[in-house]
């Protein structure tokens, strides 16, 4: 679903698979913890500043990962394929597809559009 590794690069010729996203998950998790701690202290202005900083770091990390994928595809003369990302956040859930609170938070907070542009 793109929560643990939001991008994967597979090279069939060299049989090489690279998973991306560990750094981004670490940053998002740390800032979630920080916002929670600041919320307990009622530091609303600081939470807004922290959120802006998190967005800049996340955008930079996504840019680095996508640039690495594109550069590798150019070097190996490869094709880039994106999966279907629509419908992942639908509110209509079937009983079998219920997910946990933590999973839903991570899924709804991920910026798929920035990865595709």
PDB file of N, CA and C in Angstrom:
ATOM      1  N   UNK A   1       0.804  -1.209   0.000  1.00  0.00           N
ATOM      2  CA  UNK A   1       0.000   0.000   0.000  1.00  0.00           C
ATOM      3  C   UNK A   1       0.839   1.261   0.000  1.00  0.00           C
ATOM      4  N   UNK A   2       2.128   1.171   0.113  1.00  0.00           N
ATOM      5  CA  UNK A   2       2.931   2.362   0.072  1.00  0.00           C
ATOM      6  C   UNK A   2       3.172   2.984   1.435  1.00  0.00           C
ATOM      7  N   UNK A   3       2.986   2.238   2.494  1.00  0.00           N
ATOM      8  CA  UNK A   3       3.215   2.789   3.819  1.00  0.00           C
ATOM      9  C   UNK A   3       4.646   2.517   4.257  1.00  0.00           C
ATOM     10  N   UNK A   4       5.102   1.304   4.110  1.00  0.00           N
ATOM     11  CA  UNK A   4       6.454   0.961   4.535  1.00  0.00           C
ATOM     12  C   UNK A   4       7.475   1.409   3.501  1.00  0.00           C
ATOM     13  N   UNK A   5       7.237   1.083   2.249  1.00  0.00           N
ATOM     14  CA  UNK A   5       8.110   1.476   1.145  1.00  0.00           C
ATOM     15  C   UNK A   5       7.223   2.106   0.091  1.00  0.00           C
ATOM     16  N   UNK A   6       7.294   3.423  -0.072  1.00  0.00           N
ATOM     17  CA  UNK A   6       6.372   4.066  -1.005  1.00  0.00           C
ATOM     18  C   UNK A   6       6.859   4.002  -2.434  1.00  0.00           C
ATOM     19  N   UNK A   7       8.104   3.596  -2.659  1.00  0.00           N
ATOM     20  CA  UNK A   7       8.598   3.431  -4.018  1.00  0.00           C
ATOM     21  C   UNK A   7       9.529   2.224  -4.061  1.00  0.00           C
ATOM     22  N   UNK A   8       9.446   1.495  -5.157  1.00  0.00           N
ATOM     23  CA  UNK A   8      10.301   0.331  -5.364  1.00  0.00           C
ATOM     24  C   UNK A   8      10.845   0.387  -6.778  1.00  0.00           C
ATOM     25  N   UNK A   9      12.123   0.143  -6.904  1.00  0.00           N
ATOM     26  CA  UNK A   9      12.763   0.124  -8.209  1.00  0.00           C
ATOM     27  C   UNK A   9      13.230  -1.300  -8.485  1.00  0.00           C
ATOM     28  N   UNK A  10      12.809  -1.842  -9.631  1.00  0.00           N
ATOM     29  CA  UNK A  10      13.178  -3.203  -9.998  1.00  0.00           C
ATOM     30  C   UNK A  10      13.877  -3.163 -11.351  1.00  0.00           C
ATOM     31  N   UNK A  11      15.087  -3.695 -11.399  1.00  0.00           N
ATOM     32  CA  UNK A  11      15.825  -3.812 -12.647  1.00  0.00           C
ATOM     33  C   UNK A  11      15.896  -5.283 -13.012  1.00  0.00           C
ATOM     34  N   UNK A  12      15.228  -5.642 -14.078  1.00  0.00           N
ATOM     35  CA  UNK A  12      15.173  -7.044 -14.473  1.00  0.00           C
ATOM     36  C   UNK A  12      16.507  -7.537 -15.025  1.00  0.00           C
ATOM     37  N   UNK A  13      17.237  -6.686 -15.714  1.00  0.00           N
ATOM     38  CA  UNK A  13      18.498  -7.106 -16.321  1.00  0.00           C
ATOM     39  C   UNK A  13      19.539  -7.491 -15.269  1.00  0.00           C
ATOM     40  N   UNK A  14      19.651  -6.693 -14.225  1.00  0.00           N
ATOM     41  CA  UNK A  14      20.647  -6.965 -13.187  1.00  0.00           C
ATOM     42  C   UNK A  14      20.047  -7.674 -11.973  1.00  0.00           C
ATOM     43  N   UNK A  15      18.734  -7.930 -11.997  1.00  0.00           N
ATOM     44  CA  UNK A  15      18.042  -8.610 -10.899  1.00  0.00           C
ATOM     45  C   UNK A  15      18.233  -7.841  -9.586  1.00  0.00           C
ATOM     46  N   UNK A  16      18.090  -6.523  -9.652  1.00  0.00           N
ATOM     47  CA  UNK A  16      18.308  -5.635  -8.509  1.00  0.00           C
ATOM     48  C   UNK A  16      16.990  -4.980  -8.109  1.00  0.00           C
ATOM     49  N   UNK A  17      16.668  -5.020  -6.827  1.00  0.00           N
ATOM     50  CA  UNK A  17      15.471  -4.378  -6.302  1.00  0.00           C
ATOM     51  C   UNK A  17      15.877  -3.410  -5.200  1.00  0.00           C
ATOM     52  N   UNK A  18      15.380  -2.181  -5.293  1.00  0.00           N
ATOM     53  CA  UNK A  18      15.684  -1.153  -4.295  1.00  0.00           C
ATOM     54  C   UNK A  18      14.364  -0.637  -3.739  1.00  0.00           C
ATOM     55  N   UNK A  19      14.260  -0.587  -2.418  1.00  0.00           N
ATOM     56  CA  UNK A  19      13.081  -0.075  -1.736  1.00  0.00           C
ATOM     57  C   UNK A  19      13.398   1.312  -1.176  1.00  0.00           C
ATOM     58  N   UNK A  20      12.478   2.252  -1.377  1.00  0.00           N
ATOM     59  CA  UNK A  20      12.654   3.624  -0.909  1.00  0.00           C
ATOM     60  C   UNK A  20      11.553   3.971   0.085  1.00  0.00           C
ATOM     61  N   UNK A  21      11.859   4.844   1.019  1.00  0.00           N
ATOM     62  CA  UNK A  21      10.840   5.357   1.914  1.00  0.00           C
ATOM     63  C   UNK A  21      11.147   5.248   3.384  1.00  0.00           C
ATOM     64  N   UNK A  22      12.209   4.560   3.748  1.00  0.00           N
ATOM     65  CA  UNK A  22      12.524   4.397   5.163  1.00  0.00           C
ATOM     66  C   UNK A  22      12.828   5.750   5.820  1.00  0.00           C
ATOM     67  N   UNK A  23      13.574   6.599   5.122  1.00  0.00           N
ATOM     68  CA  UNK A  23      13.906   7.918   5.674  1.00  0.00           C
ATOM     69  C   UNK A  23      12.662   8.777   5.861  1.00  0.00           C
ATOM     70  N   UNK A  24      11.778   8.734   4.873  1.00  0.00           N
ATOM     71  CA  UNK A  24      10.553   9.525   4.951  1.00  0.00           C
ATOM     72  C   UNK A  24       9.657   9.051   6.093  1.00  0.00           C
ATOM     73  N   UNK A  25       9.541   7.754   6.272  1.00  0.00           N
ATOM     74  CA  UNK A  25       8.744   7.225   7.380  1.00  0.00           C
ATOM     75  C   UNK A  25       9.333   7.625   8.726  1.00  0.00           C
ATOM     76  N   UNK A  26      10.652   7.629   8.819  1.00  0.00           N
ATOM     77  CA  UNK A  26      11.304   8.028  10.067  1.00  0.00           C
ATOM     78  C   UNK A  26      11.012   9.497  10.384  1.00  0.00           C
ATOM     79  N   UNK A  27      11.117  10.365   9.383  1.00  0.00           N
ATOM     80  CA  UNK A  27      10.864  11.798   9.581  1.00  0.00           C
ATOM     81  C   UNK A  27       9.417  12.030   9.983  1.00  0.00           C
ATOM     82  N   UNK A  28       8.482  11.406   9.264  1.00  0.00           N
ATOM     83  CA  UNK A  28       7.065  11.606   9.564  1.00  0.00           C
ATOM     84  C   UNK A  28       6.709  11.076  10.950  1.00  0.00           C
ATOM     85  N   UNK A  29       7.285   9.947  11.342  1.00  0.00           N
ATOM     86  CA  UNK A  29       7.025   9.387  12.668  1.00  0.00           C
ATOM     87  C   UNK A  29       7.559  10.272  13.780  1.00  0.00           C
ATOM     88  N   UNK A  30       8.764  10.814  13.571  1.00  0.00           N
ATOM     89  CA  UNK A  30       9.354  11.667  14.592  1.00  0.00           C
ATOM     90  C   UNK A  30       8.543  12.945  14.762  1.00  0.00           C
ATOM     91  N   UNK A  31       8.125  13.559  13.669  1.00  0.00           N
ATOM     92  CA  UNK A  31       7.340  14.798  13.775  1.00  0.00           C
ATOM     93  C   UNK A  31       5.945  14.531  14.342  1.00  0.00           C
ATOM     94  N   UNK A  32       5.382  13.357  14.087  1.00  0.00           N
ATOM     95  CA  UNK A  32       4.103  13.016  14.713  1.00  0.00           C
ATOM     96  C   UNK A  32       4.267  12.959  16.232  1.00  0.00           C
ATOM     97  N   UNK A  33       5.338  12.312  16.691  1.00  0.00           N
ATOM     98  CA  UNK A  33       5.618  12.228  18.118  1.00  0.00           C
ATOM     99  C   UNK A  33       5.836  13.628  18.697  1.00  0.00           C
ATOM    100  N   UNK A  34       6.593  14.478  17.976  1.00  0.00           N
ATOM    101  CA  UNK A  34       6.877  15.820  18.459  1.00  0.00           C
ATOM    102  C   UNK A  34       5.601  16.658  18.565  1.00  0.00           C
ATOM    103  N   UNK A  35       4.734  16.570  17.552  1.00  0.00           N
ATOM    104  CA  UNK A  35       3.462  17.321  17.606  1.00  0.00           C
ATOM    105  C   UNK A  35       2.597  16.846  18.768  1.00  0.00           C
ATOM    106  N   UNK A  36       2.613  15.559  19.027  1.00  0.00           N
ATOM    107  CA  UNK A  36       1.831  15.027  20.152  1.00  0.00           C
ATOM    108  C   UNK A  36       2.358  15.577  21.473  1.00  0.00           C
ATOM    109  N   UNK A  37       3.686  15.606  21.636  1.00  0.00           N
ATOM    110  CA  UNK A  37       4.268  16.128  22.878  1.00  0.00           C
ATOM    111  C   UNK A  37       3.975  17.614  23.049  1.00  0.00           C
ATOM    112  N   UNK A  38       4.064  18.367  21.942  1.00  0.00           N
ATOM    113  CA  UNK A  38       3.771  19.800  22.020  1.00  0.00           C
ATOM    114  C   UNK A  38       2.283  20.047  22.274  1.00  0.00           C
ATOM    115  N   UNK A  39       1.429  19.169  21.769  1.00  0.00           N
ATOM    116  CA  UNK A  39      -0.006  19.294  22.002  1.00  0.00           C
ATOM    117  C   UNK A  39      -0.357  19.122  23.460  1.00  0.00           C
ATOM    118  N   UNK A  40       0.362  18.242  24.139  1.00  0.00           N
ATOM    119  CA  UNK A  40       0.128  18.070  25.573  1.00  0.00           C
ATOM    120  C   UNK A  40       0.506  19.327  26.353  1.00  0.00           C
ATOM    121  N   UNK A  41       1.462  20.079  25.810  1.00  0.00           N
ATOM    122  CA  UNK A  41       1.891  21.320  26.464  1.00  0.00           C
ATOM    123  C   UNK A  41       1.107  22.534  25.973  1.00  0.00           C
ATOM    124  N   UNK A  42       0.167  22.318  25.054  1.00  0.00           N
ATOM    125  CA  UNK A  42      -0.686  23.376  24.492  1.00  0.00           C
ATOM    126  C   UNK A  42       0.124  24.447  23.738  1.00  0.00           C
ATOM    127  N   UNK A  43       1.169  24.036  23.044  1.00  0.00           N
ATOM    128  CA  UNK A  43       2.020  24.955  22.283  1.00  0.00           C
ATOM    129  C   UNK A  43       1.553  24.968  20.826  1.00  0.00           C
ATOM    130  N   UNK A  44       0.441  25.611  20.557  1.00  0.00           N
ATOM    131  CA  UNK A  44      -0.192  25.601  19.240  1.00  0.00           C
ATOM    132  C   UNK A  44       0.669  26.286  18.183  1.00  0.00           C
ATOM    133  N   UNK A  45       1.255  27.443  18.504  1.00  0.00           N
ATOM    134  CA  UNK A  45       2.088  28.162  17.531  1.00  0.00           C
ATOM    135  C   UNK A  45       3.320  27.343  17.141  1.00  0.00           C
ATOM    136  N   UNK A  46       3.895  26.671  18.088  1.00  0.00           N
ATOM    137  CA  UNK A  46       5.063  25.845  17.813  1.00  0.00           C
ATOM    138  C   UNK A  46       4.677  24.645  16.948  1.00  0.00           C
ATOM    139  N   UNK A  47       3.503  24.092  17.149  1.00  0.00           N
ATOM    140  CA  UNK A  47       3.033  22.966  16.338  1.00  0.00           C
ATOM    141  C   UNK A  47       2.914  23.386  14.879  1.00  0.00           C
ATOM    142  N   UNK A  48       2.417  24.598  14.620  1.00  0.00           N
ATOM    143  CA  UNK A  48       2.297  25.083  13.238  1.00  0.00           C
ATOM    144  C   UNK A  48       3.672  25.232  12.592  1.00  0.00           C
ATOM    145  N   UNK A  49       4.647  25.763  13.338  1.00  0.00           N
ATOM    146  CA  UNK A  49       6.002  25.913  12.813  1.00  0.00           C
ATOM    147  C   UNK A  49       6.630  24.549  12.526  1.00  0.00           C
ATOM    148  N   UNK A  50       6.405  23.609  13.422  1.00  0.00           N
ATOM    149  CA  UNK A  50       6.953  22.264  13.249  1.00  0.00           C
ATOM    150  C   UNK A  50       6.338  21.591  12.028  1.00  0.00           C
ATOM    151  N   UNK A  51       5.041  21.799  11.818  1.00  0.00           N
ATOM    152  CA  UNK A  51       4.369  21.209  10.657  1.00  0.00           C
ATOM    153  C   UNK A  51       4.937  21.732   9.350  1.00  0.00           C
ATOM    154  N   UNK A  52       5.232  23.027   9.292  1.00  0.00           N
ATOM    155  CA  UNK A  52       5.839  23.599   8.090  1.00  0.00           C
ATOM    156  C   UNK A  52       7.226  23.016   7.849  1.00  0.00           C
ATOM    157  N   UNK A  53       7.976  22.834   8.910  1.00  0.00           N
ATOM    158  CA  UNK A  53       9.319  22.264   8.787  1.00  0.00           C
ATOM    159  C   UNK A  53       9.239  20.816   8.307  1.00  0.00           C
ATOM    160  N   UNK A  54       8.284  20.081   8.818  1.00  0.00           N
ATOM    161  CA  UNK A  54       8.107  18.684   8.392  1.00  0.00           C
ATOM    162  C   UNK A  54       7.769  18.610   6.904  1.00  0.00           C
ATOM    163  N   UNK A  55       6.915  19.502   6.429  1.00  0.00           N
ATOM    164  CA  UNK A  55       6.545  19.505   5.013  1.00  0.00           C
ATOM    165  C   UNK A  55       7.754  19.754   4.133  1.00  0.00           C
ATOM    166  N   UNK A  56       8.616  20.697   4.534  1.00  0.00           N
ATOM    167  CA  UNK A  56       9.810  20.987   3.738  1.00  0.00           C
ATOM    168  C   UNK A  56      10.750  19.792   3.691  1.00  0.00           C
ATOM    169  N   UNK A  57      10.943  19.130   4.813  1.00  0.00           N
ATOM    170  CA  UNK A  57      11.830  17.969   4.858  1.00  0.00           C
ATOM    171  C   UNK A  57      11.241  16.821   4.045  1.00  0.00           C
ATOM    172  N   UNK A  58       9.936  16.587   4.169  1.00  0.00           N
ATOM    173  CA  UNK A  58       9.284  15.517   3.414  1.00  0.00           C
ATOM    174  C   UNK A  58       9.351  15.785   1.911  1.00  0.00           C
ATOM    175  N   UNK A  59       9.101  17.022   1.490  1.00  0.00           N
ATOM    176  CA  UNK A  59       9.189  17.358   0.067  1.00  0.00           C
ATOM    177  C   UNK A  59      10.605  17.167  -0.456  1.00  0.00           C
ATOM    178  N   UNK A  60      11.594  17.541   0.330  1.00  0.00           N
ATOM    179  CA  UNK A  60      12.985  17.367  -0.073  1.00  0.00           C
ATOM    180  C   UNK A  60      13.334  15.877  -0.207  1.00  0.00           C
ATOM    181  N   UNK A  61      12.883  15.073   0.727  1.00  0.00           N
ATOM    182  CA  UNK A  61      13.151  13.641   0.687  1.00  0.00           C
ATOM    183  C   UNK A  61      12.479  12.992  -0.520  1.00  0.00           C
ATOM    184  N   UNK A  62      11.228  13.355  -0.793  1.00  0.00           N
ATOM    185  CA  UNK A  62      10.523  12.813  -1.959  1.00  0.00           C
ATOM    186  C   UNK A  62      11.242  13.222  -3.241  1.00  0.00           C
ATOM    187  N   UNK A  63      11.705  14.473  -3.295  1.00  0.00           N
ATOM    188  CA  UNK A  63      12.423  14.946  -4.475  1.00  0.00           C
ATOM    189  C   UNK A  63      13.711  14.147  -4.692  1.00  0.00           C
ATOM    190  N   UNK A  64      14.462  13.894  -3.633  1.00  0.00           N
ATOM    191  CA  UNK A  64      15.706  13.131  -3.754  1.00  0.00           C
ATOM    192  C   UNK A  64      15.443  11.711  -4.244  1.00  0.00           C
ATOM    193  N   UNK A  65      14.400  11.087  -3.729  1.00  0.00           N
ATOM    194  CA  UNK A  65      14.091   9.712  -4.116  1.00  0.00           C
ATOM    195  C   UNK A  65      13.651   9.650  -5.571  1.00  0.00           C
ATOM    196  N   UNK A  66      12.760  10.556  -5.968  1.00  0.00           N
ATOM    197  CA  UNK A  66      12.294  10.532  -7.353  1.00  0.00           C
ATOM    198  C   UNK A  66      13.429  10.868  -8.313  1.00  0.00           C
ATOM    199  N   UNK A  67      14.298  11.782  -7.941  1.00  0.00           N
ATOM    200  CA  UNK A  67      15.438  12.119  -8.789  1.00  0.00           C
ATOM    201  C   UNK A  67      16.372  10.920  -8.939  1.00  0.00           C
ATOM    202  N   UNK A  68      16.575  10.173  -7.867  1.00  0.00           N
ATOM    203  CA  UNK A  68      17.421   8.983  -7.927  1.00  0.00           C
ATOM    204  C   UNK A  68      16.813   7.923  -8.850  1.00  0.00           C
ATOM    205  N   UNK A  69      15.498   7.743  -8.761  1.00  0.00           N
ATOM    206  CA  UNK A  69      14.825   6.769  -9.631  1.00  0.00           C
ATOM    207  C   UNK A  69      14.933   7.196 -11.102  1.00  0.00           C
ATOM    208  N   UNK A  70      14.713   8.470 -11.364  1.00  0.00           N
ATOM    209  CA  UNK A  70      14.776   8.966 -12.738  1.00  0.00           C
ATOM    210  C   UNK A  70      16.194   8.865 -13.289  1.00  0.00           C
ATOM    211  N   UNK A  71      17.193   9.243 -12.506  1.00  0.00           N
ATOM    212  CA  UNK A  71      18.576   9.155 -12.975  1.00  0.00           C
ATOM    213  C   UNK A  71      18.971   7.712 -13.265  1.00  0.00           C
ATOM    214  N   UNK A  72      18.543   6.802 -12.413  1.00  0.00           N
ATOM    215  CA  UNK A  72      18.855   5.382 -12.635  1.00  0.00           C
ATOM    216  C   UNK A  72      18.160   4.867 -13.889  1.00  0.00           C
ATOM    217  N   UNK A  73      16.927   5.308 -14.138  1.00  0.00           N
ATOM    218  CA  UNK A  73      16.199   4.889 -15.336  1.00  0.00           C
ATOM    219  C   UNK A  73      16.867   5.442 -16.596  1.00  0.00           C
ATOM    220  N   UNK A  74      17.388   6.653 -16.537  1.00  0.00           N
ATOM    221  CA  UNK A  74      18.085   7.230 -17.687  1.00  0.00           C
ATOM    222  C   UNK A  74      19.382   6.478 -17.956  1.00  0.00           C
ATOM    223  N   UNK A  75      20.124   6.142 -16.901  1.00  0.00           N
ATOM    224  CA  UNK A  75      21.382   5.406 -17.068  1.00  0.00           C
ATOM    225  C   UNK A  75      21.173   4.044 -17.712  1.00  0.00           C
ATOM    226  N   UNK A  76      20.134   3.346 -17.295  1.00  0.00           N
ATOM    227  CA  UNK A  76      19.902   1.982 -17.780  1.00  0.00           C
ATOM    228  C   UNK A  76      18.925   1.929 -18.936  1.00  0.00           C
ATOM    229  N   UNK A  77      18.487   3.092 -19.423  1.00  0.00           N
ATOM    230  CA  UNK A  77      17.523   3.173 -20.520  1.00  0.00           C
ATOM    231  C   UNK A  77      16.276   2.348 -20.202  1.00  0.00           C
ATOM    232  N   UNK A  78      15.690   2.633 -19.033  1.00  0.00           N
ATOM    233  CA  UNK A  78      14.552   1.858 -18.520  1.00  0.00           C
ATOM    234  C   UNK A  78      13.252   2.629 -18.633  1.00  0.00           C
ATOM    235  N   UNK A  79      12.172   1.939 -18.335  1.00  0.00           N
ATOM    236  CA  UNK A  79      10.828   2.488 -18.352  1.00  0.00           C
ATOM    237  C   UNK A  79      10.357   2.668 -16.910  1.00  0.00           C
ATOM    238  N   UNK A  80       9.683   3.768 -16.614  1.00  0.00           N
ATOM    239  CA  UNK A  80       9.145   4.019 -15.277  1.00  0.00           C
ATOM    240  C   UNK A  80       7.645   3.784 -15.323  1.00  0.00           C
ATOM    241  N   UNK A  81       7.154   2.963 -14.416  1.00  0.00           N
ATOM    242  CA  UNK A  81       5.737   2.622 -14.358  1.00  0.00           C
ATOM    243  C   UNK A  81       5.212   3.000 -12.980  1.00  0.00           C
ATOM    244  N   UNK A  82       4.092   3.721 -12.962  1.00  0.00           N
ATOM    245  CA  UNK A  82       3.433   4.090 -11.709  1.00  0.00           C
ATOM    246  C   UNK A  82       2.168   3.274 -11.550  1.00  0.00           C
ATOM    247  N   UNK A  83       1.906   2.834 -10.337  1.00  0.00           N
ATOM    248  CA  UNK A  83       0.687   2.088 -10.060  1.00  0.00           C
ATOM    249  C   UNK A  83      -0.516   3.002  -9.923  1.00  0.00           C
ATOM    250  N   UNK A  84      -1.682   2.418  -9.891  1.00  0.00           N
ATOM    251  CA  UNK A  84      -2.915   3.176  -9.720  1.00  0.00           C
ATOM    252  C   UNK A  84      -3.026   3.600  -8.254  1.00  0.00           C
ATOM    253  N   UNK A  85      -3.084   4.896  -8.051  1.00  0.00           N
ATOM    254  CA  UNK A  85      -3.103   5.426  -6.691  1.00  0.00           C
ATOM    255  C   UNK A  85      -4.469   5.945  -6.271  1.00  0.00           C
ATOM    256  N   UNK A  86      -5.426   5.949  -7.165  1.00  0.00           N
ATOM    257  CA  UNK A  86      -6.752   6.468  -6.828  1.00  0.00           C
ATOM    258  C   UNK A  86      -7.540   5.433  -6.043  1.00  0.00           C
ATOM    259  N   UNK A  87      -8.381   5.923  -5.143  1.00  0.00           N
ATOM    260  CA  UNK A  87      -9.263   5.047  -4.393  1.00  0.00           C
ATOM    261  C   UNK A  87      -8.667   4.469  -3.129  1.00  0.00           C
ATOM    262  N   UNK A  88      -7.444   4.863  -2.773  1.00  0.00           N
ATOM    263  CA  UNK A  88      -6.837   4.317  -1.565  1.00  0.00           C
ATOM    264  C   UNK A  88      -7.423   4.908  -0.289  1.00  0.00           C
ATOM    265  N   UNK A  89      -7.913   6.123  -0.389  1.00  0.00           N
ATOM    266  CA  UNK A  89      -8.405   6.811   0.810  1.00  0.00           C
ATOM    267  C   UNK A  89      -9.918   6.827   0.905  1.00  0.00           C
ATOM    268  N   UNK A  90     -10.602   5.967   0.213  1.00  0.00           N
ATOM    269  CA  UNK A  90     -12.062   5.965   0.248  1.00  0.00           C
ATOM    270  C   UNK A  90     -12.565   5.746   1.662  1.00  0.00           C
ATOM    271  N   UNK A  91     -13.587   6.493   2.026  1.00  0.00           N
ATOM    272  CA  UNK A  91     -14.185   6.358   3.357  1.00  0.00           C
ATOM    273  C   UNK A  91     -15.054   5.108   3.458  1.00  0.00           C
ATOM    274  N   UNK A  92     -15.548   4.643   2.322  1.00  0.00           N
ATOM    275  CA  UNK A  92     -16.391   3.456   2.327  1.00  0.00           C
ATOM    276  C   UNK A  92     -15.512   2.229   2.492  1.00  0.00           C
ATOM    277  N   UNK A  93     -15.627   1.600   3.635  1.00  0.00           N
ATOM    278  CA  UNK A  93     -14.791   0.441   3.923  1.00  0.00           C
ATOM    279  C   UNK A  93     -15.671  -0.791   4.055  1.00  0.00           C
ATOM    280  N   UNK A  94     -15.172  -1.860   3.556  1.00  0.00           N
ATOM    281  CA  UNK A  94     -15.833  -3.136   3.772  1.00  0.00           C
ATOM    282  C   UNK A  94     -15.367  -3.673   5.116  1.00  0.00           C
ATOM    283  N   UNK A  95     -16.106  -4.605   5.654  1.00  0.00           N
ATOM    284  CA  UNK A  95     -15.749  -5.136   6.963  1.00  0.00           C
ATOM    285  C   UNK A  95     -14.379  -5.803   6.949  1.00  0.00           C
ATOM    286  N   UNK A  96     -14.018  -6.455   5.856  1.00  0.00           N
ATOM    287  CA  UNK A  96     -12.745  -7.146   5.785  1.00  0.00           C
ATOM    288  C   UNK A  96     -11.570  -6.192   5.602  1.00  0.00           C
ATOM    289  N   UNK A  97     -11.828  -4.982   5.134  1.00  0.00           N
ATOM    290  CA  UNK A  97     -10.750  -4.052   4.840  1.00  0.00           C
ATOM    291  C   UNK A  97     -10.515  -3.038   5.951  1.00  0.00           C
ATOM    292  N   UNK A  98     -11.010  -3.255   7.104  1.00  0.00           N
ATOM    293  CA  UNK A  98     -10.777  -2.319   8.202  1.00  0.00           C
ATOM    294  C   UNK A  98      -9.316  -2.373   8.593  1.00  0.00           C
ATOM    295  N   UNK A  99      -8.776  -1.213   8.770  1.00  0.00           N
ATOM    296  CA  UNK A  99      -7.369  -1.113   9.113  1.00  0.00           C
ATOM    297  C   UNK A  99      -7.249  -0.462  10.472  1.00  0.00           C
ATOM    298  N   UNK A 100      -6.079  -0.535  11.026  1.00  0.00           N
ATOM    299  CA  UNK A 100      -5.857   0.060  12.328  1.00  0.00           C
ATOM    300  C   UNK A 100      -5.749   1.566  12.274  1.00  0.00           C
ATOM    301  N   UNK A 101      -5.819   2.168  13.422  1.00  0.00           N
ATOM    302  CA  UNK A 101      -5.766   3.623  13.549  1.00  0.00           C
ATOM    303  C   UNK A 101      -4.434   4.179  13.045  1.00  0.00           C
ATOM    304  N   UNK A 102      -3.339   3.526  13.375  1.00  0.00           N
ATOM    305  CA  UNK A 102      -2.003   3.968  12.965  1.00  0.00           C
ATOM    306  C   UNK A 102      -1.849   3.876  11.447  1.00  0.00           C
ATOM    307  N   UNK A 103      -2.310   2.780  10.864  1.00  0.00           N
ATOM    308  CA  UNK A 103      -2.235   2.593   9.419  1.00  0.00           C
ATOM    309  C   UNK A 103      -3.046   3.658   8.693  1.00  0.00           C
ATOM    310  N   UNK A 104      -4.252   3.930   9.167  1.00  0.00           N
ATOM    311  CA  UNK A 104      -5.104   4.950   8.544  1.00  0.00           C
ATOM    312  C   UNK A 104      -4.469   6.338   8.624  1.00  0.00           C
ATOM    313  N   UNK A 105      -3.807   6.646   9.732  1.00  0.00           N
ATOM    314  CA  UNK A 105      -3.145   7.937   9.877  1.00  0.00           C
ATOM    315  C   UNK A 105      -2.015   8.075   8.861  1.00  0.00           C
ATOM    316  N   UNK A 106      -1.227   7.034   8.706  1.00  0.00           N
ATOM    317  CA  UNK A 106      -0.119   7.079   7.761  1.00  0.00           C
ATOM    318  C   UNK A 106      -0.609   7.153   6.324  1.00  0.00           C
ATOM    319  N   UNK A 107      -1.654   6.426   6.014  1.00  0.00           N
ATOM    320  CA  UNK A 107      -2.174   6.406   4.644  1.00  0.00           C
ATOM    321  C   UNK A 107      -2.797   7.743   4.274  1.00  0.00           C
ATOM    322  N   UNK A 108      -3.542   8.337   5.175  1.00  0.00           N
ATOM    323  CA  UNK A 108      -4.215   9.593   4.842  1.00  0.00           C
ATOM    324  C   UNK A 108      -3.248  10.767   4.810  1.00  0.00           C
ATOM    325  N   UNK A 109      -2.119  10.652   5.472  1.00  0.00           N
ATOM    326  CA  UNK A 109      -1.163  11.747   5.512  1.00  0.00           C
ATOM    327  C   UNK A 109      -0.119  11.712   4.420  1.00  0.00           C
ATOM    328  N   UNK A 110      -0.127  10.691   3.590  1.00  0.00           N
ATOM    329  CA  UNK A 110       0.906  10.571   2.562  1.00  0.00           C
ATOM    330  C   UNK A 110       0.520  11.369   1.320  1.00  0.00           C
ATOM    331  N   UNK A 111       1.482  12.061   0.747  1.00  0.00           N
ATOM    332  CA  UNK A 111       1.219  12.906  -0.424  1.00  0.00           C
ATOM    333  C   UNK A 111       1.590  12.161  -1.703  1.00  0.00           C
ATOM    334  N   UNK A 112       0.647  11.429  -2.253  1.00  0.00           N
ATOM    335  CA  UNK A 112       0.885  10.651  -3.467  1.00  0.00           C
ATOM    336  C   UNK A 112       1.129  11.551  -4.675  1.00  0.00           C
ATOM    337  N   UNK A 113       0.436  12.679  -4.728  1.00  0.00           N
ATOM    338  CA  UNK A 113       0.515  13.548  -5.880  1.00  0.00           C
ATOM    339  C   UNK A 113       1.921  14.115  -6.065  1.00  0.00           C
ATOM    340  N   UNK A 114       2.583  14.451  -4.965  1.00  0.00           N
ATOM    341  CA  UNK A 114       3.941  14.998  -5.060  1.00  0.00           C
ATOM    342  C   UNK A 114       4.919  13.970  -5.595  1.00  0.00           C
ATOM    343  N   UNK A 115       4.643  12.720  -5.380  1.00  0.00           N
ATOM    344  CA  UNK A 115       5.509  11.674  -5.899  1.00  0.00           C
ATOM    345  C   UNK A 115       5.338  11.505  -7.404  1.00  0.00           C
ATOM    346  N   UNK A 116       4.149  11.742  -7.912  1.00  0.00           N
ATOM    347  CA  UNK A 116       3.881  11.510  -9.332  1.00  0.00           C
ATOM    348  C   UNK A 116       4.218  12.701 -10.213  1.00  0.00           C
ATOM    349  N   UNK A 117       4.279  13.897  -9.670  1.00  0.00           N
ATOM    350  CA  UNK A 117       4.525  15.086 -10.496  1.00  0.00           C
ATOM    351  C   UNK A 117       5.977  15.287 -10.790  1.00  0.00           C
TER     352      UNK A 117
END
